Amino acid sequence: PGGGRLHSWLAATIDDESAQDVGHCGLEILSCGPDGLLGGGERWPYIRPRAILSGTLTVSPKYRRQGVAQRLLTEAERKARWLGVDEMLLMVNQKNAAALKLYTKLGYAPKPVLAEHGGQVCMSKHLYYPTV
């Protein structure tokens, strides 16, 4: 979605004959600032490749609260490290309390809210020096 130089799609499926898709998320490597924005100006010295959780991390309602979202995010982080990136950024709706709670539990910290974020909160996690 963001035109990153590398991207990947991760899916969680049921391990049976149906191979039903129960969740998914995307991962992109983009050169951006620590706030997730692409611009220049005063952000320029801070622009470098970062992993971005792209699109939406989605889990089917029937499979929520079973660790599927946590596993997808953990796999996205593993893939980002494998691609040589040390920081993961994600955007989450500031009204999505369940997602904010999950990301905080997994070591993501909110960045200062900027007008360019709209109703979203940018959260980040260093992939080699986690805070949890």
Protein backbone atom coordinates (compact mmCIF):
# COMPACT_ATOMS: atom_id res chain seq x y z
CA PRO A 1 0.00 0.00 0.00
CA GLY A 2 2.76 2.50 0.77
CA GLY A 3 5.09 1.67 -2.12
CA GLY A 4 7.78 0.28 0.15
CA ARG A 5 10.89 -1.34 -1.29
CA LEU A 6 10.04 -4.63 0.43
CA HIS A 7 6.66 -5.91 1.46
CA SER A 8 5.13 -9.11 2.76
CA TRP A 9 1.66 -10.45 3.53
CA LEU A 10 1.18 -12.66 6.59
CA ALA A 11 -1.85 -14.88 7.14
CA ALA A 12 -3.04 -17.13 9.95
CA THR A 13 -4.89 -20.25 8.86
CA ILE A 14 -6.54 -23.16 10.60
CA ASP A 15 -4.43 -26.30 10.40
CA ASP A 16 -7.10 -28.64 9.00
CA GLU A 17 -8.58 -29.56 5.63
CA SER A 18 -10.32 -26.19 5.30
CA ALA A 19 -7.14 -24.09 5.72
CA GLN A 20 -9.49 -21.24 6.64
CA ASP A 21 -7.92 -17.76 6.80
CA VAL A 22 -8.59 -16.49 10.34
CA GLY A 23 -6.36 -13.41 10.32
CA HIS A 24 -3.85 -11.40 8.33
CA CYS A 25 -1.63 -8.33 8.21
CA GLY A 26 0.85 -6.69 5.90
CA LEU A 27 4.41 -5.56 6.43
CA GLU A 28 6.33 -2.97 4.41
CA ILE A 29 9.79 -1.51 4.65
CA LEU A 30 9.56 2.24 4.01
CA SER A 31 11.99 5.09 4.44
CA CYS A 32 10.18 7.39 6.83
CA GLY A 33 10.62 9.48 9.95
CA PRO A 34 10.14 8.15 13.48
CA ASP A 35 6.58 9.49 13.39
CA GLY A 36 5.69 7.32 10.39
CA LEU A 37 5.53 10.30 8.02
CA LEU A 38 7.38 10.49 4.75
CA GLY A 39 8.09 14.23 4.40
CA GLY A 40 11.30 16.15 4.21
CA GLY A 41 12.23 19.40 5.90
CA GLU A 42 13.21 19.03 9.54
CA ARG A 43 12.37 15.31 9.40
CA TRP A 44 15.07 14.70 6.80
CA PRO A 45 17.94 13.67 9.14
CA TYR A 46 15.66 11.10 10.78
CA ILE A 47 14.34 9.41 7.66
CA ARG A 48 15.59 5.83 7.37
CA PRO A 49 14.16 2.39 6.58
CA ARG A 50 11.58 1.27 9.12
CA ALA A 51 9.12 -1.61 9.14
CA ILE A 52 5.50 -0.52 8.88
CA LEU A 53 2.57 -2.75 9.74
CA SER A 54 0.58 -1.93 6.61
CA GLY A 55 -3.11 -2.25 6.16
CA THR A 56 -4.98 -3.59 9.15
CA LEU A 57 -4.11 -6.47 11.42
CA THR A 58 -7.39 -8.37 11.24
CA VAL A 59 -8.64 -11.48 13.04
CA SER A 60 -12.02 -13.11 12.38
CA PRO A 61 -14.38 -12.50 15.32
CA LYS A 62 -14.69 -16.23 16.09
CA TYR A 63 -10.90 -16.47 16.63
CA ARG A 64 -10.28 -13.31 18.63
CA ARG A 65 -8.79 -13.45 22.14
CA GLN A 66 -6.95 -16.67 21.27
CA GLY A 67 -3.51 -15.19 20.55
CA VAL A 68 -3.89 -14.96 16.76
CA ALA A 69 -3.23 -11.20 16.57
CA GLN A 70 -0.25 -11.53 18.91
CA ARG A 71 1.20 -14.33 16.76
CA LEU A 72 0.71 -12.38 13.54
CA LEU A 73 2.43 -9.32 14.99
CA THR A 74 5.26 -11.45 16.38
CA GLU A 75 5.76 -12.99 12.93
CA ALA A 76 5.73 -9.55 11.29
CA GLU A 77 8.42 -8.42 13.76
CA ARG A 78 10.49 -11.55 13.03
CA LYS A 79 10.22 -10.91 9.29
CA ALA A 80 11.25 -7.25 9.75
CA ARG A 81 14.34 -8.31 11.74
CA TRP A 82 15.17 -10.85 9.02
CA LEU A 83 14.97 -7.99 6.49
CA GLY A 84 17.48 -6.02 8.59
CA VAL A 85 15.16 -3.42 10.08
CA ASP A 86 15.42 -2.48 13.76
CA GLU A 87 12.16 -0.56 14.33
CA MET A 88 8.50 -1.37 13.70
CA LEU A 89 5.85 1.33 13.38
CA LEU A 90 2.10 0.92 13.24
CA MET A 91 -0.90 3.17 13.14
CA VAL A 92 -3.98 2.43 15.19
CA ASN A 93 -7.29 4.23 15.56
CA GLN A 94 -7.15 6.18 18.82
CA LYS A 95 -10.63 4.85 19.70
CA ASN A 96 -9.65 1.18 19.29
CA ALA A 97 -9.00 0.39 22.96
CA ALA A 98 -8.50 -3.35 22.40
CA ALA A 99 -5.78 -2.80 19.78
CA LEU A 100 -4.06 -0.10 21.86
CA LYS A 101 -4.02 -2.48 24.83
CA LEU A 102 -2.56 -5.33 22.73
CA TYR A 103 0.16 -3.19 21.18
CA THR A 104 1.11 -1.70 24.55
CA LYS A 105 1.27 -5.19 26.07
CA LEU A 106 3.64 -6.23 23.27
CA GLY A 107 6.01 -3.32 23.94
CA TYR A 108 4.80 -0.65 21.52
CA ALA A 109 4.93 2.94 22.75
CA PRO A 110 2.85 5.81 21.37
CA LYS A 111 4.58 8.63 19.54
CA PRO A 112 3.45 12.24 19.93
CA VAL A 113 0.18 12.77 18.08
CA LEU A 114 0.53 14.99 15.02
CA ALA A 115 -2.19 16.63 12.94
CA GLU A 116 -1.04 14.52 9.96
CA HIS A 117 -1.99 11.35 11.83
CA GLY A 118 -5.69 12.24 11.76
CA GLY A 119 -7.54 10.02 14.24
CA GLN A 120 -4.63 7.57 14.38
CA VAL A 121 -1.94 7.00 16.99
CA CYS A 122 1.53 6.09 15.72
CA MET A 123 3.18 3.45 17.91
CA SER A 124 6.71 2.09 17.68
CA LYS A 125 8.89 -0.68 19.02
CA HIS A 126 12.62 -1.24 18.72
CA LEU A 127 12.97 -4.81 17.51
CA TYR A 128 16.34 -5.56 19.10
CA TYR A 129 15.91 -3.70 22.39
CA PRO A 130 12.28 -4.28 23.35
CA THR A 131 10.87 -2.41 26.30
CA VAL A 132 8.99 -5.40 27.71
